[in-house]
């Protein structure tokens, strides 16, 4: 019985050793692909960050002043409308 256990352990050890070698070979083949994927992901994140920065600064520089000016124009039109209604009302006569 002890001989059977020794043979079994030896068989398991040899199989694990072969499996380990196969995994190391596969990892060595996959390393360039993983490095390339990391490089692409890094470049993509930098590009997305630059695009987000460009969009946000463009929004602040161009659209915010436009919105403020449109609000001022709306207030001016409302004030002119109120003045015209006061001037043309029958109570003014």
PDB file of N, CA and C in Angstrom:
ATOM      1  N   UNK A   1       0.820  -1.199   0.000  1.00  0.00           N
ATOM      2  CA  UNK A   1       0.000   0.000   0.000  1.00  0.00           C
ATOM      3  C   UNK A   1       0.862   1.260   0.000  1.00  0.00           C
ATOM      4  N   UNK A   2       1.950   1.230   0.742  1.00  0.00           N
ATOM      5  CA  UNK A   2       2.810   2.410   0.773  1.00  0.00           C
ATOM      6  C   UNK A   2       3.438   2.669  -0.590  1.00  0.00           C
ATOM      7  N   UNK A   3       3.729   1.616  -1.309  1.00  0.00           N
ATOM      8  CA  UNK A   3       4.300   1.795  -2.638  1.00  0.00           C
ATOM      9  C   UNK A   3       3.299   2.480  -3.555  1.00  0.00           C
ATOM     10  N   UNK A   4       2.028   2.153  -3.460  1.00  0.00           N
ATOM     11  CA  UNK A   4       1.016   2.785  -4.275  1.00  0.00           C
ATOM     12  C   UNK A   4       0.892   4.274  -3.985  1.00  0.00           C
ATOM     13  N   UNK A   5       1.009   4.629  -2.725  1.00  0.00           N
ATOM     14  CA  UNK A   5       0.927   6.054  -2.353  1.00  0.00           C
ATOM     15  C   UNK A   5       2.138   6.791  -2.882  1.00  0.00           C
ATOM     16  N   UNK A   6       3.326   6.186  -2.782  1.00  0.00           N
ATOM     17  CA  UNK A   6       4.538   6.834  -3.282  1.00  0.00           C
ATOM     18  C   UNK A   6       4.450   7.051  -4.795  1.00  0.00           C
ATOM     19  N   UNK A   7       3.976   6.030  -5.495  1.00  0.00           N
ATOM     20  CA  UNK A   7       3.836   6.162  -6.946  1.00  0.00           C
ATOM     21  C   UNK A   7       2.812   7.232  -7.308  1.00  0.00           C
ATOM     22  N   UNK A   8       1.730   7.260  -6.561  1.00  0.00           N
ATOM     23  CA  UNK A   8       0.706   8.274  -6.807  1.00  0.00           C
ATOM     24  C   UNK A   8       1.247   9.677  -6.564  1.00  0.00           C
ATOM     25  N   UNK A   9       1.967   9.853  -5.457  1.00  0.00           N
ATOM     26  CA  UNK A   9       2.552  11.169  -5.158  1.00  0.00           C
ATOM     27  C   UNK A   9       3.579  11.567  -6.211  1.00  0.00           C
ATOM     28  N   UNK A  10       4.392  10.599  -6.652  1.00  0.00           N
ATOM     29  CA  UNK A  10       5.370  10.886  -7.694  1.00  0.00           C
ATOM     30  C   UNK A  10       4.666  11.276  -8.991  1.00  0.00           C
ATOM     31  N   UNK A  11       3.613  10.558  -9.339  1.00  0.00           N
ATOM     32  CA  UNK A  11       2.841  10.870 -10.547  1.00  0.00           C
ATOM     33  C   UNK A  11       2.232  12.273 -10.459  1.00  0.00           C
ATOM     34  N   UNK A  12       1.670  12.619  -9.304  1.00  0.00           N
ATOM     35  CA  UNK A  12       1.080  13.950  -9.108  1.00  0.00           C
ATOM     36  C   UNK A  12       2.153  15.018  -9.193  1.00  0.00           C
ATOM     37  N   UNK A  13       3.310  14.761  -8.580  1.00  0.00           N
ATOM     38  CA  UNK A  13       4.400  15.727  -8.616  1.00  0.00           C
ATOM     39  C   UNK A  13       4.871  15.963 -10.040  1.00  0.00           C
ATOM     40  N   UNK A  14       5.053  14.890 -10.805  1.00  0.00           N
ATOM     41  CA  UNK A  14       5.510  15.018 -12.198  1.00  0.00           C
ATOM     42  C   UNK A  14       4.467  15.770 -13.020  1.00  0.00           C
ATOM     43  N   UNK A  15       3.192  15.454 -12.828  1.00  0.00           N
ATOM     44  CA  UNK A  15       2.148  16.155 -13.572  1.00  0.00           C
ATOM     45  C   UNK A  15       2.102  17.628 -13.221  1.00  0.00           C
ATOM     46  N   UNK A  16       2.265  17.941 -11.952  1.00  0.00           N
ATOM     47  CA  UNK A  16       2.274  19.355 -11.554  1.00  0.00           C
ATOM     48  C   UNK A  16       3.472  20.081 -12.141  1.00  0.00           C
ATOM     49  N   UNK A  17       4.603  19.398 -12.187  1.00  0.00           N
ATOM     50  CA  UNK A  17       5.793  20.008 -12.755  1.00  0.00           C
ATOM     51  C   UNK A  17       5.593  20.295 -14.241  1.00  0.00           C
ATOM     52  N   UNK A  18       4.997  19.340 -14.970  1.00  0.00           N
ATOM     53  CA  UNK A  18       4.723  19.531 -16.388  1.00  0.00           C
ATOM     54  C   UNK A  18       3.698  20.651 -16.598  1.00  0.00           C
ATOM     55  N   UNK A  19       2.688  20.673 -15.753  1.00  0.00           N
ATOM     56  CA  UNK A  19       1.677  21.725 -15.840  1.00  0.00           C
ATOM     57  C   UNK A  19       2.298  23.091 -15.573  1.00  0.00           C
ATOM     58  N   UNK A  20       3.172  23.168 -14.573  1.00  0.00           N
ATOM     59  CA  UNK A  20       3.844  24.420 -14.250  1.00  0.00           C
ATOM     60  C   UNK A  20       4.677  24.909 -15.433  1.00  0.00           C
ATOM     61  N   UNK A  21       5.412  23.984 -16.065  1.00  0.00           N
ATOM     62  CA  UNK A  21       6.228  24.365 -17.220  1.00  0.00           C
ATOM     63  C   UNK A  21       5.353  24.857 -18.370  1.00  0.00           C
ATOM     64  N   UNK A  22       4.239  24.157 -18.607  1.00  0.00           N
ATOM     65  CA  UNK A  22       3.338  24.571 -19.685  1.00  0.00           C
ATOM     66  C   UNK A  22       2.750  25.947 -19.410  1.00  0.00           C
ATOM     67  N   UNK A  23       2.395  26.203 -18.165  1.00  0.00           N
ATOM     68  CA  UNK A  23       1.844  27.520 -17.814  1.00  0.00           C
ATOM     69  C   UNK A  23       2.890  28.614 -17.967  1.00  0.00           C
ATOM     70  N   UNK A  24       4.127  28.314 -17.611  1.00  0.00           N
ATOM     71  CA  UNK A  24       5.189  29.314 -17.774  1.00  0.00           C
ATOM     72  C   UNK A  24       5.426  29.619 -19.254  1.00  0.00           C
ATOM     73  N   UNK A  25       5.385  28.589 -20.106  1.00  0.00           N
ATOM     74  CA  UNK A  25       5.552  28.823 -21.549  1.00  0.00           C
ATOM     75  C   UNK A  25       4.407  29.671 -22.085  1.00  0.00           C
ATOM     76  N   UNK A  26       3.199  29.361 -21.658  1.00  0.00           N
ATOM     77  CA  UNK A  26       2.041  30.123 -22.128  1.00  0.00           C
ATOM     78  C   UNK A  26       2.116  31.571 -21.632  1.00  0.00           C
ATOM     79  N   UNK A  27       2.530  31.749 -20.387  1.00  0.00           N
ATOM     80  CA  UNK A  27       2.668  33.107 -19.840  1.00  0.00           C
ATOM     81  C   UNK A  27       3.726  33.886 -20.612  1.00  0.00           C
ATOM     82  N   UNK A  28       4.805  33.208 -21.001  1.00  0.00           N
ATOM     83  CA  UNK A  28       5.852  33.879 -21.773  1.00  0.00           C
ATOM     84  C   UNK A  28       5.323  34.304 -23.141  1.00  0.00           C
ATOM     85  N   UNK A  29       4.445  33.483 -23.747  1.00  0.00           N
ATOM     86  CA  UNK A  29       3.862  33.867 -25.036  1.00  0.00           C
ATOM     87  C   UNK A  29       2.839  34.988 -24.884  1.00  0.00           C
ATOM     88  N   UNK A  30       2.159  35.025 -23.757  1.00  0.00           N
ATOM     89  CA  UNK A  30       1.113  36.030 -23.545  1.00  0.00           C
ATOM     90  C   UNK A  30       1.672  37.381 -23.088  1.00  0.00           C
ATOM     91  N   UNK A  31       2.886  37.407 -22.579  1.00  0.00           N
ATOM     92  CA  UNK A  31       3.453  38.638 -22.021  1.00  0.00           C
ATOM     93  C   UNK A  31       3.448  39.796 -23.018  1.00  0.00           C
ATOM     94  N   UNK A  32       3.870  39.612 -24.265  1.00  0.00           N
ATOM     95  CA  UNK A  32       3.825  40.743 -25.208  1.00  0.00           C
ATOM     96  C   UNK A  32       2.398  41.243 -25.461  1.00  0.00           C
ATOM     97  N   UNK A  33       1.445  40.328 -25.509  1.00  0.00           N
ATOM     98  CA  UNK A  33       0.060  40.756 -25.716  1.00  0.00           C
ATOM     99  C   UNK A  33      -0.457  41.561 -24.533  1.00  0.00           C
ATOM    100  N   UNK A  34      -0.109  41.130 -23.348  1.00  0.00           N
ATOM    101  CA  UNK A  34      -0.540  41.848 -22.144  1.00  0.00           C
ATOM    102  C   UNK A  34       0.105  43.224 -22.093  1.00  0.00           C
ATOM    103  N   UNK A  35       1.391  43.290 -22.418  1.00  0.00           N
ATOM    104  CA  UNK A  35       2.076  44.591 -22.427  1.00  0.00           C
ATOM    105  C   UNK A  35       1.448  45.526 -23.457  1.00  0.00           C
ATOM    106  N   UNK A  36       1.115  44.996 -24.610  1.00  0.00           N
ATOM    107  CA  UNK A  36       0.485  45.814 -25.659  1.00  0.00           C
ATOM    108  C   UNK A  36      -0.884  46.314 -25.203  1.00  0.00           C
ATOM    109  N   UNK A  37      -1.648  45.436 -24.566  1.00  0.00           N
ATOM    110  CA  UNK A  37      -2.973  45.839 -24.068  1.00  0.00           C
ATOM    111  C   UNK A  37      -2.839  46.922 -23.001  1.00  0.00           C
ATOM    112  N   UNK A  38      -1.844  46.795 -22.138  1.00  0.00           N
ATOM    113  CA  UNK A  38      -1.621  47.831 -21.123  1.00  0.00           C
ATOM    114  C   UNK A  38      -1.242  49.161 -21.768  1.00  0.00           C
ATOM    115  N   UNK A  39      -0.401  49.100 -22.792  1.00  0.00           N
ATOM    116  CA  UNK A  39       0.004  50.314 -23.496  1.00  0.00           C
ATOM    117  C   UNK A  39      -1.199  50.983 -24.156  1.00  0.00           C
ATOM    118  N   UNK A  40      -2.027  50.189 -24.828  1.00  0.00           N
ATOM    119  CA  UNK A  40      -3.210  50.743 -25.499  1.00  0.00           C
ATOM    120  C   UNK A  40      -4.171  51.341 -24.483  1.00  0.00           C
ATOM    121  N   UNK A  41      -4.381  50.657 -23.363  1.00  0.00           N
ATOM    122  CA  UNK A  41      -5.283  51.172 -22.329  1.00  0.00           C
ATOM    123  C   UNK A  41      -4.753  52.479 -21.744  1.00  0.00           C
ATOM    124  N   UNK A  42      -3.452  52.560 -21.533  1.00  0.00           N
ATOM    125  CA  UNK A  42      -2.853  53.779 -20.995  1.00  0.00           C
ATOM    126  C   UNK A  42      -3.017  54.940 -21.974  1.00  0.00           C
ATOM    127  N   UNK A  43      -2.737  54.689 -23.249  1.00  0.00           N
ATOM    128  CA  UNK A  43      -2.866  55.741 -24.265  1.00  0.00           C
ATOM    129  C   UNK A  43      -4.320  56.174 -24.434  1.00  0.00           C
ATOM    130  N   UNK A  44      -5.226  55.209 -24.384  1.00  0.00           N
ATOM    131  CA  UNK A  44      -6.645  55.524 -24.504  1.00  0.00           C
ATOM    132  C   UNK A  44      -7.115  56.388 -23.348  1.00  0.00           C
ATOM    133  N   UNK A  45      -6.675  56.053 -22.137  1.00  0.00           N
ATOM    134  CA  UNK A  45      -7.094  56.857 -20.991  1.00  0.00           C
ATOM    135  C   UNK A  45      -6.530  58.275 -21.081  1.00  0.00           C
ATOM    136  N   UNK A  46      -5.309  58.417 -21.571  1.00  0.00           N
ATOM    137  CA  UNK A  46      -4.747  59.755 -21.747  1.00  0.00           C
ATOM    138  C   UNK A  46      -5.526  60.540 -22.800  1.00  0.00           C
ATOM    139  N   UNK A  47      -5.874  59.894 -23.887  1.00  0.00           N
ATOM    140  CA  UNK A  47      -6.625  60.571 -24.945  1.00  0.00           C
ATOM    141  C   UNK A  47      -8.009  60.991 -24.467  1.00  0.00           C
ATOM    142  N   UNK A  48      -8.671  60.109 -23.727  1.00  0.00           N
ATOM    143  CA  UNK A  48      -9.991  60.441 -23.198  1.00  0.00           C
ATOM    144  C   UNK A  48      -9.886  61.603 -22.211  1.00  0.00           C
ATOM    145  N   UNK A  49      -8.855  61.607 -21.403  1.00  0.00           N
ATOM    146  CA  UNK A  49      -8.650  62.712 -20.461  1.00  0.00           C
ATOM    147  C   UNK A  49      -8.423  64.034 -21.182  1.00  0.00           C
ATOM    148  N   UNK A  50      -7.624  63.996 -22.232  1.00  0.00           N
ATOM    149  CA  UNK A  50      -7.384  65.219 -23.002  1.00  0.00           C
ATOM    150  C   UNK A  50      -8.664  65.709 -23.669  1.00  0.00           C
ATOM    151  N   UNK A  51      -9.458  64.782 -24.202  1.00  0.00           N
ATOM    152  CA  UNK A  51     -10.718  65.168 -24.835  1.00  0.00           C
ATOM    153  C   UNK A  51     -11.685  65.760 -23.815  1.00  0.00           C
ATOM    154  N   UNK A  52     -11.742  65.180 -22.628  1.00  0.00           N
ATOM    155  CA  UNK A  52     -12.617  65.713 -21.575  1.00  0.00           C
ATOM    156  C   UNK A  52     -12.165  67.108 -21.163  1.00  0.00           C
ATOM    157  N   UNK A  53     -10.860  67.315 -21.041  1.00  0.00           N
ATOM    158  CA  UNK A  53     -10.336  68.639 -20.687  1.00  0.00           C
ATOM    159  C   UNK A  53     -10.702  69.653 -21.782  1.00  0.00           C
ATOM    160  N   UNK A  54     -10.535  69.287 -23.031  1.00  0.00           N
ATOM    161  CA  UNK A  54     -10.848  70.187 -24.139  1.00  0.00           C
ATOM    162  C   UNK A  54     -12.333  70.541 -24.142  1.00  0.00           C
ATOM    163  N   UNK A  55     -13.189  69.553 -23.958  1.00  0.00           N
ATOM    164  CA  UNK A  55     -14.632  69.806 -23.964  1.00  0.00           C
ATOM    165  C   UNK A  55     -15.048  70.694 -22.796  1.00  0.00           C
ATOM    166  N   UNK A  56     -14.506  70.447 -21.622  1.00  0.00           N
ATOM    167  CA  UNK A  56     -14.912  71.238 -20.461  1.00  0.00           C
ATOM    168  C   UNK A  56     -14.411  72.676 -20.555  1.00  0.00           C
ATOM    169  N   UNK A  57     -13.199  72.890 -21.005  1.00  0.00           N
ATOM    170  CA  UNK A  57     -12.706  74.261 -21.127  1.00  0.00           C
ATOM    171  C   UNK A  57     -13.441  75.008 -22.244  1.00  0.00           C
ATOM    172  N   UNK A  58     -13.753  74.312 -23.326  1.00  0.00           N
ATOM    173  CA  UNK A  58     -14.529  74.940 -24.394  1.00  0.00           C
ATOM    174  C   UNK A  58     -15.895  75.363 -23.877  1.00  0.00           C
ATOM    175  N   UNK A  59     -16.517  74.516 -23.095  1.00  0.00           N
ATOM    176  CA  UNK A  59     -17.814  74.838 -22.503  1.00  0.00           C
ATOM    177  C   UNK A  59     -17.712  76.081 -21.629  1.00  0.00           C
ATOM    178  N   UNK A  60     -16.697  76.132 -20.796  1.00  0.00           N
ATOM    179  CA  UNK A  60     -16.557  77.284 -19.900  1.00  0.00           C
ATOM    180  C   UNK A  60     -16.254  78.571 -20.662  1.00  0.00           C
ATOM    181  N   UNK A  61     -15.402  78.482 -21.661  1.00  0.00           N
ATOM    182  CA  UNK A  61     -14.972  79.693 -22.365  1.00  0.00           C
ATOM    183  C   UNK A  61     -16.034  80.210 -23.332  1.00  0.00           C
ATOM    184  N   UNK A  62     -16.749  79.327 -24.001  1.00  0.00           N
ATOM    185  CA  UNK A  62     -17.684  79.768 -25.036  1.00  0.00           C
ATOM    186  C   UNK A  62     -19.147  79.790 -24.594  1.00  0.00           C
ATOM    187  N   UNK A  63     -19.608  78.750 -23.958  1.00  0.00           N
ATOM    188  CA  UNK A  63     -21.034  78.647 -23.686  1.00  0.00           C
ATOM    189  C   UNK A  63     -21.494  79.409 -22.445  1.00  0.00           C
ATOM    190  N   UNK A  64     -20.701  79.449 -21.404  1.00  0.00           N
ATOM    191  CA  UNK A  64     -21.132  80.149 -20.187  1.00  0.00           C
ATOM    192  C   UNK A  64     -21.329  81.648 -20.444  1.00  0.00           C
ATOM    193  N   UNK A  65     -20.394  82.354 -21.087  1.00  0.00           N
ATOM    194  CA  UNK A  65     -20.665  83.765 -21.391  1.00  0.00           C
ATOM    195  C   UNK A  65     -21.884  83.955 -22.298  1.00  0.00           C
ATOM    196  N   UNK A  66     -22.099  83.038 -23.222  1.00  0.00           N
ATOM    197  CA  UNK A  66     -23.263  83.123 -24.090  1.00  0.00           C
ATOM    198  C   UNK A  66     -24.551  83.008 -23.280  1.00  0.00           C
ATOM    199  N   UNK A  67     -24.607  82.083 -22.356  1.00  0.00           N
ATOM    200  CA  UNK A  67     -25.791  81.916 -21.523  1.00  0.00           C
ATOM    201  C   UNK A  67     -26.019  83.161 -20.656  1.00  0.00           C
ATOM    202  N   UNK A  68     -24.956  83.711 -20.116  1.00  0.00           N
ATOM    203  CA  UNK A  68     -25.086  84.923 -19.299  1.00  0.00           C
ATOM    204  C   UNK A  68     -25.626  86.075 -20.143  1.00  0.00           C
ATOM    205  N   UNK A  69     -25.109  86.234 -21.353  1.00  0.00           N
ATOM    206  CA  UNK A  69     -25.565  87.315 -22.227  1.00  0.00           C
ATOM    207  C   UNK A  69     -27.016  87.111 -22.652  1.00  0.00           C
ATOM    208  N   UNK A  70     -27.411  85.883 -22.904  1.00  0.00           N
ATOM    209  CA  UNK A  70     -28.805  85.616 -23.256  1.00  0.00           C
ATOM    210  C   UNK A  70     -29.733  85.947 -22.086  1.00  0.00           C
ATOM    211  N   UNK A  71     -29.288  85.670 -20.877  1.00  0.00           N
ATOM    212  CA  UNK A  71     -30.094  85.996 -19.700  1.00  0.00           C
ATOM    213  C   UNK A  71     -30.233  87.515 -19.553  1.00  0.00           C
ATOM    214  N   UNK A  72     -29.143  88.225 -19.771  1.00  0.00           N
ATOM    215  CA  UNK A  72     -29.208  89.696 -19.712  1.00  0.00           C
ATOM    216  C   UNK A  72     -30.171  90.235 -20.770  1.00  0.00           C
ATOM    217  N   UNK A  73     -30.098  89.694 -21.964  1.00  0.00           N
ATOM    218  CA  UNK A  73     -30.979  90.143 -23.045  1.00  0.00           C
ATOM    219  C   UNK A  73     -32.440  89.885 -22.694  1.00  0.00           C
ATOM    220  N   UNK A  74     -32.723  88.720 -22.094  1.00  0.00           N
ATOM    221  CA  UNK A  74     -34.098  88.403 -21.693  1.00  0.00           C
ATOM    222  C   UNK A  74     -34.589  89.373 -20.623  1.00  0.00           C
ATOM    223  N   UNK A  75     -33.710  89.705 -19.671  1.00  0.00           N
ATOM    224  CA  UNK A  75     -34.089  90.670 -18.636  1.00  0.00           C
ATOM    225  C   UNK A  75     -34.359  92.041 -19.242  1.00  0.00           C
ATOM    226  N   UNK A  76     -33.513  92.461 -20.198  1.00  0.00           N
ATOM    227  CA  UNK A  76     -33.691  93.750 -20.846  1.00  0.00           C
ATOM    228  C   UNK A  76     -35.020  93.793 -21.615  1.00  0.00           C
ATOM    229  N   UNK A  77     -35.336  92.723 -22.336  1.00  0.00           N
ATOM    230  CA  UNK A  77     -36.595  92.672 -23.074  1.00  0.00           C
ATOM    231  C   UNK A  77     -37.793  92.711 -22.119  1.00  0.00           C
ATOM    232  N   UNK A  78     -37.690  92.013 -21.002  1.00  0.00           N
ATOM    233  CA  UNK A  78     -38.777  92.019 -20.010  1.00  0.00           C
ATOM    234  C   UNK A  78     -38.960  93.422 -19.426  1.00  0.00           C
ATOM    235  N   UNK A  79     -37.844  94.102 -19.169  1.00  0.00           N
ATOM    236  CA  UNK A  79     -37.934  95.459 -18.623  1.00  0.00           C
ATOM    237  C   UNK A  79     -38.556  96.411 -19.654  1.00  0.00           C
ATOM    238  N   UNK A  80     -38.152  96.291 -20.907  1.00  0.00           N
ATOM    239  CA  UNK A  80     -38.736  97.133 -21.953  1.00  0.00           C
ATOM    240  C   UNK A  80     -40.230  96.848 -22.111  1.00  0.00           C
ATOM    241  N   UNK A  81     -40.615  95.623 -22.019  1.00  0.00           N
ATOM    242  CA  UNK A  81     -42.021  95.243 -22.121  1.00  0.00           C
ATOM    243  C   UNK A  81     -42.822  95.857 -20.978  1.00  0.00           C
ATOM    244  N   UNK A  82     -42.257  95.829 -19.758  1.00  0.00           N
ATOM    245  CA  UNK A  82     -42.942  96.440 -18.619  1.00  0.00           C
ATOM    246  C   UNK A  82     -43.074  97.956 -18.803  1.00  0.00           C
ATOM    247  N   UNK A  83     -42.010  98.584 -19.306  1.00  0.00           N
ATOM    248  CA  UNK A  83     -42.064 100.026 -19.525  1.00  0.00           C
ATOM    249  C   UNK A  83     -43.098 100.382 -20.587  1.00  0.00           C
ATOM    250  N   UNK A  84     -43.156  99.593 -21.644  1.00  0.00           N
ATOM    251  CA  UNK A  84     -44.160  99.865 -22.694  1.00  0.00           C
ATOM    252  C   UNK A  84     -45.573  99.676 -22.155  1.00  0.00           C
ATOM    253  N   UNK A  85     -45.761  98.677 -21.312  1.00  0.00           N
ATOM    254  CA  UNK A  85     -47.113  98.468 -20.772  1.00  0.00           C
ATOM    255  C   UNK A  85     -47.491  99.607 -19.824  1.00  0.00           C
ATOM    256  N   UNK A  86     -46.532 100.146 -19.120  1.00  0.00           N
ATOM    257  CA  UNK A  86     -46.818 101.278 -18.233  1.00  0.00           C
ATOM    258  C   UNK A  86     -47.141 102.521 -19.041  1.00  0.00           C
ATOM    259  N   UNK A  87     -46.388 102.748 -20.099  1.00  0.00           N
ATOM    260  CA  UNK A  87     -46.583 103.946 -20.919  1.00  0.00           C
ATOM    261  C   UNK A  87     -47.883 103.885 -21.724  1.00  0.00           C
ATOM    262  N   UNK A  88     -48.275 102.715 -22.132  1.00  0.00           N
ATOM    263  CA  UNK A  88     -49.461 102.616 -22.974  1.00  0.00           C
ATOM    264  C   UNK A  88     -50.724 102.255 -22.193  1.00  0.00           C
ATOM    265  N   UNK A  89     -50.631 102.153 -20.900  1.00  0.00           N
ATOM    266  CA  UNK A  89     -51.822 101.807 -20.121  1.00  0.00           C
ATOM    267  C   UNK A  89     -52.757 103.007 -20.030  1.00  0.00           C
ATOM    268  N   UNK A  90     -54.066 102.782 -19.890  1.00  0.00           N
ATOM    269  CA  UNK A  90     -55.021 103.878 -19.839  1.00  0.00           C
ATOM    270  C   UNK A  90     -54.873 104.748 -18.592  1.00  0.00           C
ATOM    271  N   UNK A  91     -54.278 104.188 -17.539  1.00  0.00           N
ATOM    272  CA  UNK A  91     -54.104 104.950 -16.294  1.00  0.00           C
ATOM    273  C   UNK A  91     -53.112 106.089 -16.457  1.00  0.00           C
ATOM    274  N   UNK A  92     -52.201 105.978 -17.398  1.00  0.00           N
ATOM    275  CA  UNK A  92     -51.205 107.025 -17.588  1.00  0.00           C
ATOM    276  C   UNK A  92     -51.819 108.287 -18.154  1.00  0.00           C
ATOM    277  N   UNK A  93     -52.956 108.183 -18.789  1.00  0.00           N
ATOM    278  CA  UNK A  93     -53.577 109.350 -19.432  1.00  0.00           C
ATOM    279  C   UNK A  93     -54.367 110.195 -18.509  1.00  0.00           C
TER     280      UNK A  93
END
